[in-house]
């Protein structure tokens, strides 16, 4: 679950790379200081910062879980500028994100009471894990919406709990920009839609993400089609895993040209026109079915969702601001 807090900001900002900073130095003492900070494999702190030391250029990249390290591998492709300069990058607003989402990252269908299934989602007979006050959304919800269900957090990536082994599929036609290893020891598959360039691993103006997945089947630079399997649902939630369920979270990230980021938008806003009505109807059916299964008809506040699955149309950035 992406929430607005520093660790998430660190991970996303590092992988999407919204600004590139070039640092210079004139004194030998300053050069020696930078050499200690900018050396192949050394820890760094500012995503996409660029330093040139003794003729070698390094860029600060996310190289594993939440570790930022200096690397010369991609530095040669990094735009250079004057000290503390930035490279313009991004779109004007989330209104510029194309409506190209074909699915929600897994096979979904209207809930069928006879089978207890909604596509790959099992609902009938499912019981949520024991209550955990620190993870109330995992206790209450089989489908966590974008926004704030009732747990005091702004959930920026809808979550779906699905049977272990469920295939995760690409939501869009596009190009894989990044498949980073996450803090949870699983992966994220981040795909730029067709027409949006991956400038280097993880950097794109728009990314559609399926997060918390295992066994990724794609890599940086691969072209994928919507519906193509890219991974499997993650088993990192031990409480749900004990019940035979994994999780996948979906997200839409974008770089805003006039603001630091990344920014998050509700994925349900970007369904392809020929898919929109059917997917929204399927989402509504799983909410009703889960409410019936739990015996709580007020679990979801459907009247606050427009479209279904979004309790707000606000976009959120990792600096705790929002716009709507």
Protein backbone atom coordinates (compact mmCIF):
# COMPACT_ATOMS: atom_id res chain seq x y z
CA UNK A 1 0.00 0.00 0.00
CA UNK A 2 1.52 3.32 -1.02
CA UNK A 3 1.02 5.95 1.65
CA UNK A 4 2.44 9.42 1.84
CA UNK A 5 5.56 8.92 3.91
CA UNK A 6 9.30 9.25 3.35
CA UNK A 7 10.25 5.64 2.49
CA UNK A 8 7.75 5.48 -0.36
CA UNK A 9 8.79 8.87 -1.61
CA UNK A 10 12.38 7.70 -1.59
CA UNK A 11 11.64 4.59 -3.62
CA UNK A 12 9.39 6.22 -6.20
CA UNK A 13 11.43 9.38 -6.61
CA UNK A 14 14.58 7.36 -7.04
CA UNK A 15 13.14 5.13 -9.73
CA UNK A 16 11.22 7.73 -11.71
CA UNK A 17 13.97 10.40 -11.59
CA UNK A 18 12.21 13.71 -12.05
CA UNK A 19 15.20 16.04 -11.77
CA UNK A 20 18.83 15.76 -12.68
CA UNK A 21 21.36 17.80 -10.72
CA UNK A 22 24.94 18.42 -11.83
CA UNK A 23 27.41 19.43 -9.15
CA UNK A 24 30.80 21.02 -9.67
CA UNK A 25 33.74 21.92 -7.47
CA UNK A 26 36.88 23.99 -7.66
CA UNK A 27 39.08 23.27 -4.68
CA UNK A 28 41.15 20.15 -4.15
CA UNK A 29 39.53 19.72 -0.74
CA UNK A 30 36.08 19.85 -2.36
CA UNK A 31 37.22 17.34 -4.99
CA UNK A 32 38.44 14.99 -2.28
CA UNK A 33 35.13 15.33 -0.41
CA UNK A 34 33.16 14.50 -3.55
CA UNK A 35 35.38 11.56 -4.30
CA UNK A 36 34.40 10.08 -0.97
CA UNK A 37 30.71 10.65 -1.71
CA UNK A 38 30.64 9.84 -5.43
CA UNK A 39 32.39 6.56 -6.16
CA UNK A 40 31.13 3.43 -7.86
CA UNK A 41 28.84 1.57 -5.43
CA UNK A 42 29.07 4.16 -2.63
CA UNK A 43 25.88 5.20 -0.86
CA UNK A 44 24.22 8.44 -2.00
CA UNK A 45 21.19 10.36 -0.76
CA UNK A 46 19.62 12.40 -3.59
CA UNK A 47 17.94 10.44 -6.42
CA UNK A 48 19.34 11.30 -9.87
CA UNK A 49 21.97 13.67 -8.49
CA UNK A 50 24.97 13.81 -10.83
CA UNK A 51 28.56 14.42 -9.76
CA UNK A 52 31.75 14.53 -11.79
CA UNK A 53 34.85 13.56 -9.87
CA UNK A 54 38.33 13.47 -11.42
CA UNK A 55 36.84 13.20 -14.89
CA UNK A 56 34.39 10.40 -14.00
CA UNK A 57 30.64 11.07 -13.89
CA UNK A 58 28.33 9.31 -11.46
CA UNK A 59 24.54 9.31 -11.04
CA UNK A 60 22.65 8.45 -7.85
CA UNK A 61 20.32 5.52 -8.61
CA UNK A 62 18.18 3.01 -6.72
CA UNK A 63 20.13 -0.24 -7.04
CA UNK A 64 18.28 -2.56 -4.67
CA UNK A 65 15.33 -2.34 -2.29
CA UNK A 66 15.71 1.17 -0.78
CA UNK A 67 19.46 1.58 -1.33
CA UNK A 68 20.64 4.58 -3.34
CA UNK A 69 24.17 4.20 -4.71
CA UNK A 70 26.47 6.01 -7.11
CA UNK A 71 26.73 4.43 -10.55
CA UNK A 72 28.66 5.33 -13.68
CA UNK A 73 26.64 2.85 -15.80
CA UNK A 74 23.91 5.29 -16.90
CA UNK A 75 25.73 8.54 -16.18
CA UNK A 76 26.95 8.92 -19.76
CA UNK A 77 23.32 9.21 -20.90
CA UNK A 78 22.43 11.80 -18.27
CA UNK A 79 21.90 15.38 -19.42
CA UNK A 80 24.52 17.68 -17.93
CA UNK A 81 24.04 21.29 -16.94
CA UNK A 82 25.38 23.98 -14.71
CA UNK A 83 25.63 23.57 -10.97
CA UNK A 84 22.24 22.94 -9.33
CA UNK A 85 20.41 23.05 -12.67
CA UNK A 86 17.40 20.85 -13.43
CA UNK A 87 16.09 19.26 -16.59
CA UNK A 88 12.43 20.05 -17.37
CA UNK A 89 10.40 16.87 -17.30
CA UNK A 90 6.75 15.90 -17.00
CA UNK A 91 3.21 16.60 -18.15
CA UNK A 92 0.97 19.51 -17.28
CA UNK A 93 -1.51 17.50 -15.20
CA UNK A 94 -3.12 14.10 -14.81
CA UNK A 95 -5.61 15.19 -17.48
CA UNK A 96 -2.82 14.46 -19.97
CA UNK A 97 -2.65 10.79 -18.98
CA UNK A 98 -4.16 8.72 -21.81
CA UNK A 99 -7.24 6.56 -21.21
CA UNK A 100 -5.57 3.28 -22.16
CA UNK A 101 -6.08 0.94 -19.17
CA UNK A 102 -7.50 -2.37 -20.38
CA UNK A 103 -7.70 -4.24 -17.07
CA UNK A 104 -6.80 -4.03 -13.37
CA UNK A 105 -3.73 -6.20 -13.46
CA UNK A 106 -5.55 -9.53 -13.24
CA UNK A 107 -8.49 -11.32 -14.82
CA UNK A 108 -11.72 -9.77 -13.54
CA UNK A 109 -15.34 -10.63 -14.34
CA UNK A 110 -18.74 -9.89 -12.78
CA UNK A 111 -19.19 -11.76 -9.52
CA UNK A 112 -20.84 -15.16 -10.03
CA UNK A 113 -22.69 -16.35 -6.88
CA UNK A 114 -22.70 -19.92 -8.20
CA UNK A 115 -18.90 -20.18 -8.27
CA UNK A 116 -18.12 -17.54 -5.67
CA UNK A 117 -15.62 -16.02 -8.09
CA UNK A 118 -15.23 -12.75 -9.95
CA UNK A 119 -12.79 -13.81 -12.61
CA UNK A 120 -9.59 -14.69 -10.72
CA UNK A 121 -10.89 -13.13 -7.49
CA UNK A 122 -12.31 -15.58 -4.94
CA UNK A 123 -14.95 -14.09 -2.64
CA UNK A 124 -17.40 -16.74 -1.47
CA UNK A 125 -16.22 -18.46 1.71
CA UNK A 126 -13.24 -16.12 2.19
CA UNK A 127 -12.49 -14.84 5.68
CA UNK A 128 -10.18 -11.91 6.30
CA UNK A 129 -7.16 -12.31 8.57
CA UNK A 130 -7.46 -11.60 12.32
CA UNK A 131 -7.82 -7.92 13.12
CA UNK A 132 -4.63 -5.88 13.25
CA UNK A 133 -5.05 -2.28 14.36
CA UNK A 134 -1.90 -1.30 12.45
CA UNK A 135 -3.24 -2.73 9.19
CA UNK A 136 -6.97 -2.16 9.39
CA UNK A 137 -7.42 -2.11 5.63
CA UNK A 138 -5.97 -5.61 5.32
CA UNK A 139 -8.45 -6.86 7.90
CA UNK A 140 -11.54 -5.29 6.39
CA UNK A 141 -11.04 -5.27 2.67
CA UNK A 142 -10.51 -7.78 -0.11
CA UNK A 143 -10.35 -4.79 -2.46
CA UNK A 144 -8.85 -1.55 -1.11
CA UNK A 145 -9.95 1.54 -3.02
CA UNK A 146 -7.96 4.65 -3.98
CA UNK A 147 -8.50 7.15 -1.22
CA UNK A 148 -9.33 6.60 2.42
CA UNK A 149 -11.66 3.68 3.28
CA UNK A 150 -11.68 4.07 7.08
CA UNK A 151 -8.14 3.59 8.28
CA UNK A 152 -6.82 7.13 8.54
CA UNK A 153 -4.45 6.75 5.57
CA UNK A 154 -4.64 7.96 2.01
CA UNK A 155 -4.26 4.81 -0.07
CA UNK A 156 -2.73 5.77 -3.39
CA UNK A 157 -2.67 2.31 -4.93
CA UNK A 158 -5.79 0.12 -4.98
CA UNK A 159 -5.05 -3.36 -3.63
CA UNK A 160 -6.56 -6.71 -4.56
CA UNK A 161 -6.14 -9.89 -2.50
CA UNK A 162 -6.21 -12.91 -4.79
CA UNK A 163 -5.49 -16.63 -4.51
CA UNK A 164 -1.78 -17.45 -4.40
CA UNK A 165 -0.43 -18.15 -7.87
CA UNK A 166 -2.82 -15.75 -9.63
CA UNK A 167 -1.20 -14.31 -12.78
CA UNK A 168 -0.57 -10.57 -12.85
CA UNK A 169 -1.11 -9.03 -16.28
CA UNK A 170 -0.11 -5.76 -17.90
CA UNK A 171 -2.81 -3.11 -17.65
CA UNK A 172 -1.70 -1.40 -20.88
CA UNK A 173 0.17 -1.80 -24.12
CA UNK A 174 3.58 -0.30 -23.54
CA UNK A 175 7.24 -0.68 -22.65
CA UNK A 176 8.66 -1.94 -19.36
CA UNK A 177 10.62 0.89 -17.73
CA UNK A 178 11.59 -0.76 -14.47
CA UNK A 179 11.27 -3.98 -12.47
CA UNK A 180 12.72 -2.93 -9.09
CA UNK A 181 13.14 -5.15 -6.06
CA UNK A 182 11.11 -3.66 -3.20
CA UNK A 183 11.55 -3.44 0.58
CA UNK A 184 9.07 -6.34 0.86
CA UNK A 185 11.42 -8.65 -1.06
CA UNK A 186 9.07 -8.74 -4.02
CA UNK A 187 8.89 -6.64 -7.18
CA UNK A 188 7.10 -3.88 -9.04
CA UNK A 189 6.54 -3.89 -12.80
CA UNK A 190 6.35 -0.33 -14.15
CA UNK A 191 5.18 0.18 -17.72
CA UNK A 192 5.12 3.34 -19.81
CA UNK A 193 2.16 3.46 -22.23
CA UNK A 194 2.87 3.49 -25.95
CA UNK A 195 4.08 6.92 -26.97
CA UNK A 196 5.76 7.61 -23.62
CA UNK A 197 9.53 7.16 -23.59
CA UNK A 198 11.58 5.41 -20.92
CA UNK A 199 14.49 7.83 -20.68
CA UNK A 200 16.47 5.46 -18.49
CA UNK A 201 15.47 2.63 -16.16
CA UNK A 202 12.56 3.81 -14.07
CA UNK A 203 12.26 7.27 -15.63
CA UNK A 204 9.11 8.09 -17.60
CA UNK A 205 6.55 10.87 -17.59
CA UNK A 206 3.73 8.34 -17.05
CA UNK A 207 3.95 4.88 -15.51
CA UNK A 208 1.30 2.22 -14.93
CA UNK A 209 2.41 -0.07 -12.14
CA UNK A 210 1.57 -3.50 -10.79
CA UNK A 211 3.30 -3.56 -7.42
CA UNK A 212 4.06 -6.36 -4.96
CA UNK A 213 4.49 -9.18 -7.44
CA UNK A 214 6.81 -12.18 -7.59
CA UNK A 215 8.36 -14.20 -10.40
CA UNK A 216 8.54 -11.29 -12.89
CA UNK A 217 8.52 -12.44 -16.50
CA UNK A 218 9.61 -9.16 -18.12
CA UNK A 219 12.59 -6.83 -17.95
CA UNK A 220 13.53 -3.25 -18.78
CA UNK A 221 12.92 -2.47 -22.44
CA UNK A 222 10.44 -5.27 -23.14
CA UNK A 223 7.37 -4.36 -25.18
CA UNK A 224 4.20 -5.78 -23.65
CA UNK A 225 0.54 -6.04 -24.60
CA UNK A 226 -2.36 -5.42 -22.25
CA UNK A 227 -3.40 -8.76 -20.78
CA UNK A 228 0.06 -10.31 -21.12
CA UNK A 229 1.26 -12.01 -17.93
CA UNK A 230 4.14 -10.09 -16.39
CA UNK A 231 4.37 -11.70 -12.92
CA UNK A 232 2.43 -13.46 -10.14
CA UNK A 233 0.68 -11.99 -7.10
CA UNK A 234 2.99 -11.48 -4.15
CA UNK A 235 2.90 -13.60 -1.02
CA UNK A 236 4.57 -11.00 1.21
CA UNK A 237 1.52 -10.41 3.48
CA UNK A 238 2.02 -13.29 5.89
CA UNK A 239 -1.47 -12.99 7.40
CA UNK A 240 -3.16 -13.32 4.00
CA UNK A 241 -0.59 -15.86 2.79
CA UNK A 242 -1.59 -18.15 5.67
CA UNK A 243 -5.11 -18.10 4.21
CA UNK A 244 -3.89 -18.91 0.70
CA UNK A 245 -3.99 -15.36 -0.68
CA UNK A 246 -1.50 -13.00 -2.25
CA UNK A 247 -1.78 -9.34 -3.23
CA UNK A 248 -1.23 -7.03 -6.14
CA UNK A 249 -1.44 -3.24 -5.96
CA UNK A 250 -1.97 -1.06 -9.01
CA UNK A 251 -0.82 2.50 -9.46
CA UNK A 252 -0.59 5.39 -11.89
CA UNK A 253 2.38 7.71 -11.47
CA UNK A 254 3.19 10.82 -13.43
CA UNK A 255 5.80 13.56 -13.44
CA UNK A 256 4.36 17.05 -13.25
CA UNK A 257 6.34 19.61 -15.23
CA UNK A 258 5.77 22.44 -12.74
CA UNK A 259 6.03 20.50 -9.49
CA UNK A 260 8.25 17.99 -7.70
CA UNK A 261 6.90 14.49 -7.58
CA UNK A 262 6.11 11.87 -8.42
CA UNK A 263 2.36 12.37 -8.49
CA UNK A 264 -0.26 9.66 -8.04
CA UNK A 265 -3.64 9.52 -9.78
CA UNK A 266 -6.58 7.15 -9.40
CA UNK A 267 -6.20 4.32 -11.96
CA UNK A 268 -9.97 4.07 -12.41
CA UNK A 269 -9.93 7.41 -14.26
CA UNK A 270 -7.99 5.99 -17.20
CA UNK A 271 -9.94 3.00 -18.50
CA UNK A 272 -10.07 2.72 -22.28
CA UNK A 273 -13.49 3.93 -23.47
CA UNK A 274 -14.54 0.48 -24.69
CA UNK A 275 -13.60 -1.09 -21.33
CA UNK A 276 -14.73 1.56 -18.86
CA UNK A 277 -18.34 0.56 -18.24
CA UNK A 278 -17.67 -3.16 -17.96
CA UNK A 279 -14.73 -2.80 -15.56
CA UNK A 280 -16.58 -0.33 -13.33
CA UNK A 281 -19.55 -2.71 -13.22
CA UNK A 282 -17.23 -5.58 -12.26
CA UNK A 283 -15.70 -3.50 -9.48
CA UNK A 284 -19.12 -2.65 -8.11
CA UNK A 285 -20.08 -6.33 -8.15
CA UNK A 286 -17.05 -7.37 -6.08
CA UNK A 287 -17.72 -4.66 -3.52
CA UNK A 288 -21.30 -5.86 -3.09
CA UNK A 289 -20.22 -9.49 -2.95
CA UNK A 290 -17.55 -8.79 -0.32
CA UNK A 291 -20.01 -6.80 1.79
CA UNK A 292 -22.40 -9.77 1.64
CA UNK A 293 -19.59 -12.17 2.54
CA UNK A 294 -18.53 -10.08 5.56
CA UNK A 295 -22.09 -9.28 6.60
CA UNK A 296 -21.30 -5.55 6.59
CA UNK A 297 -23.42 -3.72 4.02
CA UNK A 298 -21.74 -0.43 4.94
CA UNK A 299 -18.16 -1.60 4.48
CA UNK A 300 -17.76 0.45 1.31
CA UNK A 301 -19.23 3.93 1.01
CA UNK A 302 -20.27 3.56 -2.60
CA UNK A 303 -21.92 6.98 -2.58
CA UNK A 304 -18.50 8.59 -2.10
CA UNK A 305 -16.91 6.73 -5.01
CA UNK A 306 -16.94 8.38 -8.40
CA UNK A 307 -15.86 6.51 -10.39
CA UNK A 308 -16.18 3.21 -8.52
CA UNK A 309 -12.91 2.52 -6.74
CA UNK A 310 -12.01 6.18 -6.11
CA UNK A 311 -13.13 7.98 -2.96
CA UNK A 312 -11.41 11.11 -4.26
CA UNK A 313 -10.38 12.46 -7.64
CA UNK A 314 -7.45 14.30 -6.08
CA UNK A 315 -3.94 13.65 -7.28
CA UNK A 316 -1.32 13.31 -4.56
CA UNK A 317 2.40 13.91 -4.56
CA UNK A 318 4.98 12.47 -2.23
CA UNK A 319 5.45 15.87 -0.59
CA UNK A 320 2.00 15.46 1.02
CA UNK A 321 0.18 17.88 -1.25
CA UNK A 322 -2.89 17.15 -3.31
CA UNK A 323 -4.79 18.73 -6.14
CA UNK A 324 -8.20 18.00 -7.53
